[in-house]
PDB file of N, CA and C in Angstrom:
ATOM      1  N   MET A   1       0.736  -0.976   0.031  1.00  0.00           N
ATOM      2  CA  MET A   1      -0.049  -0.064  -0.148  1.00  0.00           C
ATOM      3  C   MET A   1       1.139   1.116   0.457  1.00  0.00           C
ATOM      4  N   ASN A   2       0.351   2.289  -0.857  1.00  0.00           N
ATOM      5  CA  ASN A   2       1.630   3.376  -0.655  1.00  0.00           C
ATOM      6  C   ASN A   2       0.833   3.952   0.305  1.00  0.00           C
ATOM      7  N   SER A   3       1.724   5.635   0.438  1.00  0.00           N
ATOM      8  CA  SER A   3       1.805   6.173   1.618  1.00  0.00           C
ATOM      9  C   SER A   3       0.058   6.990   1.383  1.00  0.00           C
ATOM     10  N   TYR A   4      -0.323   6.945   0.158  1.00  0.00           N
ATOM     11  CA  TYR A   4      -1.721   7.940   0.141  1.00  0.00           C
ATOM     12  C   TYR A   4      -2.622   7.020   0.528  1.00  0.00           C
ATOM     13  N   GLY A   5      -2.801   5.614   0.139  1.00  0.00           N
ATOM     14  CA  GLY A   5      -3.542   4.655   0.434  1.00  0.00           C
ATOM     15  C   GLY A   5      -3.591   4.645   1.860  1.00  0.00           C
ATOM     16  N   LYS A   6      -2.589   4.759   2.623  1.00  0.00           N
ATOM     17  CA  LYS A   6      -2.548   4.317   4.344  1.00  0.00           C
ATOM     18  C   LYS A   6      -3.033   5.782   4.977  1.00  0.00           C
ATOM     19  N   VAL A   7      -3.120   6.750   4.216  1.00  0.00           N
ATOM     20  CA  VAL A   7      -3.344   7.938   4.974  1.00  0.00           C
ATOM     21  C   VAL A   7      -4.828   8.278   4.546  1.00  0.00           C
ATOM     22  N   GLU A   8      -5.028   7.932   3.652  1.00  0.00           N
ATOM     23  CA  GLU A   8      -6.820   7.533   3.304  1.00  0.00           C
ATOM     24  C   GLU A   8      -7.260   6.790   4.007  1.00  0.00           C
ATOM     25  N   THR A   9      -6.821   5.517   4.298  1.00  0.00           N
ATOM     26  CA  THR A   9      -7.096   4.578   5.443  1.00  0.00           C
ATOM     27  C   THR A   9      -7.288   5.205   6.403  1.00  0.00           C
ATOM     28  N   GLU A  10      -6.456   5.961   7.186  1.00  0.00           N
ATOM     29  CA  GLU A  10      -6.399   6.295   8.468  1.00  0.00           C
ATOM     30  C   GLU A  10      -7.268   7.395   8.442  1.00  0.00           C
ATOM     31  N   SER A  11      -7.429   8.257   7.383  1.00  0.00           N
ATOM     32  CA  SER A  11      -8.549   9.067   7.281  1.00  0.00           C
ATOM     33  C   SER A  11     -10.103   8.368   7.659  1.00  0.00           C
ATOM     34  N   LYS A  12     -10.232   7.727   6.847  1.00  0.00           N
ATOM     35  CA  LYS A  12     -11.569   7.236   6.965  1.00  0.00           C
ATOM     36  C   LYS A  12     -11.768   6.467   8.523  1.00  0.00           C
ATOM     37  N   THR A  13     -10.457   5.517   9.026  1.00  0.00           N
ATOM     38  CA  THR A  13     -10.877   5.181   9.914  1.00  0.00           C
ATOM     39  C   THR A  13     -11.236   5.846  11.636  1.00  0.00           C
ATOM     40  N   GLU A  14     -10.736   7.687  11.105  1.00  0.00           N
ATOM     41  CA  GLU A  14     -10.595   8.562  12.351  1.00  0.00           C
ATOM     42  C   GLU A  14     -12.213   9.172  11.935  1.00  0.00           C
ATOM     43  N   ILE A  15     -12.791   9.338  10.684  1.00  0.00           N
ATOM     44  CA  ILE A  15     -14.112   9.573  10.261  1.00  0.00           C
ATOM     45  C   ILE A  15     -14.659   8.592  10.972  1.00  0.00           C
ATOM     46  N   LYS A  16     -15.242   7.409  10.654  1.00  0.00           N
ATOM     47  CA  LYS A  16     -15.753   6.199  11.326  1.00  0.00           C
ATOM     48  C   LYS A  16     -15.592   6.270  13.248  1.00  0.00           C
ATOM     49  N   LYS A  17     -14.557   6.207  13.771  1.00  0.00           N
ATOM     50  CA  LYS A  17     -14.304   6.371  15.433  1.00  0.00           C
ATOM     51  C   LYS A  17     -15.027   7.646  15.461  1.00  0.00           C
ATOM     52  N   ASP A  18     -15.105   8.741  14.622  1.00  0.00           N
ATOM     53  CA  ASP A  18     -15.849   9.907  15.148  1.00  0.00           C
ATOM     54  C   ASP A  18     -17.449   9.912  15.495  1.00  0.00           C
ATOM     55  N   ALA A  19     -17.793   8.978  14.310  1.00  0.00           N
ATOM     56  CA  ALA A  19     -18.946   8.835  14.093  1.00  0.00           C
ATOM     57  C   ALA A  19     -19.625   7.719  14.831  1.00  0.00           C
ATOM     58  N   ILE A  20     -18.373   6.662  15.388  1.00  0.00           N
ATOM     59  CA  ILE A  20     -19.502   5.951  16.695  1.00  0.00           C
ATOM     60  C   ILE A  20     -19.415   6.316  17.774  1.00  0.00           C
ATOM     61  N   GLN A  21     -18.307   7.678  18.333  1.00  0.00           N
ATOM     62  CA  GLN A  21     -18.211   8.601  19.538  1.00  0.00           C
ATOM     63  C   GLN A  21     -19.470   9.518  19.683  1.00  0.00           C
ATOM     64  N   SER A  22     -19.652   9.640  18.342  1.00  0.00           N
ATOM     65  CA  SER A  22     -20.911  10.476  18.344  1.00  0.00           C
ATOM     66  C   SER A  22     -22.668   9.936  18.035  1.00  0.00           C
ATOM     67  N   SER A  23     -22.163   8.791  18.258  1.00  0.00           N
ATOM     68  CA  SER A  23     -23.309   7.933  18.026  1.00  0.00           C
ATOM     69  C   SER A  23     -23.754   7.231  19.478  1.00  0.00           C
ATOM     70  N   ASP A  24     -22.415   7.242  20.031  1.00  0.00           N
ATOM     71  CA  ASP A  24     -22.593   6.730  21.546  1.00  0.00           C
ATOM     72  C   ASP A  24     -22.982   8.019  22.605  1.00  0.00           C
ATOM     73  N   GLU A  25     -22.618   9.125  21.734  1.00  0.00           N
ATOM     74  CA  GLU A  25     -22.829  10.203  23.006  1.00  0.00           C
ATOM     75  C   GLU A  25     -24.576  10.428  22.994  1.00  0.00           C
ATOM     76  N   SER A  26     -24.867  10.028  21.637  1.00  0.00           N
ATOM     77  CA  SER A  26     -26.662  10.423  20.912  1.00  0.00           C
ATOM     78  C   SER A  26     -27.284   9.125  22.150  1.00  0.00           C
ATOM     79  N   ILE A  27     -26.912   8.118  21.816  1.00  0.00           N
ATOM     80  CA  ILE A  27     -27.269   7.231  22.542  1.00  0.00           C
ATOM     81  C   ILE A  27     -27.824   7.242  24.547  1.00  0.00           C
ATOM     82  N   GLN A  28     -26.534   7.720  24.717  1.00  0.00           N
ATOM     83  CA  GLN A  28     -26.020   7.984  26.330  1.00  0.00           C
ATOM     84  C   GLN A  28     -27.232   8.916  26.577  1.00  0.00           C
ATOM     85  N   PHE A  29     -27.375   9.816  25.567  1.00  0.00           N
ATOM     86  CA  PHE A  29     -28.440  11.469  26.267  1.00  0.00           C
ATOM     87  C   PHE A  29     -29.779  10.849  25.955  1.00  0.00           C
ATOM     88  N   HIS A  30     -30.299   9.953  24.945  1.00  0.00           N
ATOM     89  CA  HIS A  30     -31.305   9.136  24.656  1.00  0.00           C
ATOM     90  C   HIS A  30     -31.909   8.673  26.151  1.00  0.00           C
ATOM     91  N   GLU A  31     -30.733   7.618  26.539  1.00  0.00           N
ATOM     92  CA  GLU A  31     -30.939   7.024  27.622  1.00  0.00           C
ATOM     93  C   GLU A  31     -31.345   7.734  28.693  1.00  0.00           C
ATOM     94  N   GLU A  32     -30.398   8.556  29.207  1.00  0.00           N
ATOM     95  CA  GLU A  32     -31.129   9.485  30.506  1.00  0.00           C
ATOM     96  C   GLU A  32     -31.986  10.173  30.191  1.00  0.00           C
ATOM     97  N   GLU A  33     -32.329  10.936  28.972  1.00  0.00           N
ATOM     98  CA  GLU A  33     -33.767  11.298  29.055  1.00  0.00           C
ATOM     99  C   GLU A  33     -35.183  10.666  28.945  1.00  0.00           C
ATOM    100  N   GLN A  34     -34.463   8.881  28.679  1.00  0.00           N
ATOM    101  CA  GLN A  34     -35.822   8.197  28.639  1.00  0.00           C
ATOM    102  C   GLN A  34     -35.764   7.782  30.148  1.00  0.00           C
ATOM    103  N   LYS A  35     -34.668   7.786  30.756  1.00  0.00           N
ATOM    104  CA  LYS A  35     -34.652   7.774  32.266  1.00  0.00           C
ATOM    105  C   LYS A  35     -35.715   8.580  33.276  1.00  0.00           C
ATOM    106  N   SER A  36     -35.224   9.989  32.374  1.00  0.00           N
ATOM    107  CA  SER A  36     -35.806  11.658  33.260  1.00  0.00           C
ATOM    108  C   SER A  36     -37.595  11.053  33.154  1.00  0.00           C
ATOM    109  N   LEU A  37     -37.750  10.837  31.616  1.00  0.00           N
ATOM    110  CA  LEU A  37     -39.371  10.643  31.622  1.00  0.00           C
ATOM    111  C   LEU A  37     -39.944   9.668  32.158  1.00  0.00           C
ATOM    112  N   GLN A  38     -39.139   8.303  32.219  1.00  0.00           N
ATOM    113  CA  GLN A  38     -39.794   7.550  33.069  1.00  0.00           C
ATOM    114  C   GLN A  38     -40.155   8.143  34.739  1.00  0.00           C
ATOM    115  N   GLU A  39     -39.189   8.699  35.503  1.00  0.00           N
ATOM    116  CA  GLU A  39     -39.084   9.069  36.589  1.00  0.00           C
ATOM    117  C   GLU A  39     -40.407  10.027  36.989  1.00  0.00           C
ATOM    118  N   LYS A  40     -40.849  11.283  35.827  1.00  0.00           N
ATOM    119  CA  LYS A  40     -41.528  11.887  35.610  1.00  0.00           C
ATOM    120  C   LYS A  40     -43.067  10.995  35.619  1.00  0.00           C
ATOM    121  N   MET A  41     -43.062   9.946  34.537  1.00  0.00           N
ATOM    122  CA  MET A  41     -44.579   9.245  34.487  1.00  0.00           C
ATOM    123  C   MET A  41     -44.389   8.575  35.620  1.00  0.00           C
ATOM    124  N   LYS A  42     -43.833   8.565  36.284  1.00  0.00           N
ATOM    125  CA  LYS A  42     -43.624   7.280  37.714  1.00  0.00           C
ATOM    126  C   LYS A  42     -44.480   8.265  38.763  1.00  0.00           C
ATOM    127  N   LYS A  43     -44.300   9.822  38.543  1.00  0.00           N
ATOM    128  CA  LYS A  43     -44.790  10.354  39.969  1.00  0.00           C
ATOM    129  C   LYS A  43     -46.065  10.795  39.311  1.00  0.00           C
ATOM    130  N   LEU A  44     -46.351  11.521  38.335  1.00  0.00           N
ATOM    131  CA  LEU A  44     -47.553  11.621  37.353  1.00  0.00           C
ATOM    132  C   LEU A  44     -48.535  10.181  37.896  1.00  0.00           C
ATOM    133  N   ASN A  45     -48.154   9.182  37.974  1.00  0.00           N
ATOM    134  CA  ASN A  45     -48.982   8.263  38.025  1.00  0.00           C
ATOM    135  C   ASN A  45     -49.259   8.117  39.604  1.00  0.00           C
ATOM    136  N   GLU A  46     -47.961   8.329  40.371  1.00  0.00           N
ATOM    137  CA  GLU A  46     -49.036   8.585  41.569  1.00  0.00           C
ATOM    138  C   GLU A  46     -49.415   9.468  42.329  1.00  0.00           C
ATOM    139  N   LYS A  47     -49.439  10.865  41.656  1.00  0.00           N
ATOM    140  CA  LYS A  47     -50.034  11.985  42.085  1.00  0.00           C
ATOM    141  C   LYS A  47     -51.601  11.681  41.504  1.00  0.00           C
ATOM    142  N   GLN A  48     -51.731  10.388  40.193  1.00  0.00           N
ATOM    143  CA  GLN A  48     -53.176  10.352  39.763  1.00  0.00           C
ATOM    144  C   GLN A  48     -53.823   9.387  40.891  1.00  0.00           C
ATOM    145  N   GLN A  49     -52.771   8.545  41.785  1.00  0.00           N
ATOM    146  CA  GLN A  49     -53.179   7.555  42.192  1.00  0.00           C
ATOM    147  C   GLN A  49     -54.073   8.212  43.628  1.00  0.00           C
ATOM    148  N   ASP A  50     -53.053   8.925  43.912  1.00  0.00           N
ATOM    149  CA  ASP A  50     -53.505  10.101  45.531  1.00  0.00           C
ATOM    150  C   ASP A  50     -54.643  11.168  45.184  1.00  0.00           C
ATOM    151  N   LEU A  51     -55.038  11.943  43.694  1.00  0.00           N
ATOM    152  CA  LEU A  51     -56.063  12.391  43.637  1.00  0.00           C
ATOM    153  C   LEU A  51     -57.271  11.388  43.634  1.00  0.00           C
ATOM    154  N   ALA A  52     -57.388   9.718  42.998  1.00  0.00           N
ATOM    155  CA  ALA A  52     -58.121   9.519  42.942  1.00  0.00           C
ATOM    156  C   ALA A  52     -59.308   8.778  44.350  1.00  0.00           C
ATOM    157  N   MET A  53     -57.589   8.874  45.237  1.00  0.00           N
ATOM    158  CA  MET A  53     -58.170   8.235  46.091  1.00  0.00           C
ATOM    159  C   MET A  53     -58.835   9.361  47.061  1.00  0.00           C
ATOM    160  N   ASN A  54     -58.961  10.051  46.640  1.00  0.00           N
ATOM    161  CA  ASN A  54     -59.497  11.748  47.494  1.00  0.00           C
ATOM    162  C   ASN A  54     -60.586  12.101  47.040  1.00  0.00           C
TER     163      ASN A  54
END
């Protein structure tokens, strides 16, 4: 492989690594958002039950 091919391959590898890292960060954000929404839903359900008892 010539040096141009090596540089091109390394460049593509870096682009893919960046894309994977970006995807991982996006997944983490959405998991945290989902957890937050689940907590809100739980609190709303508890509030609904409290209101139904009164």
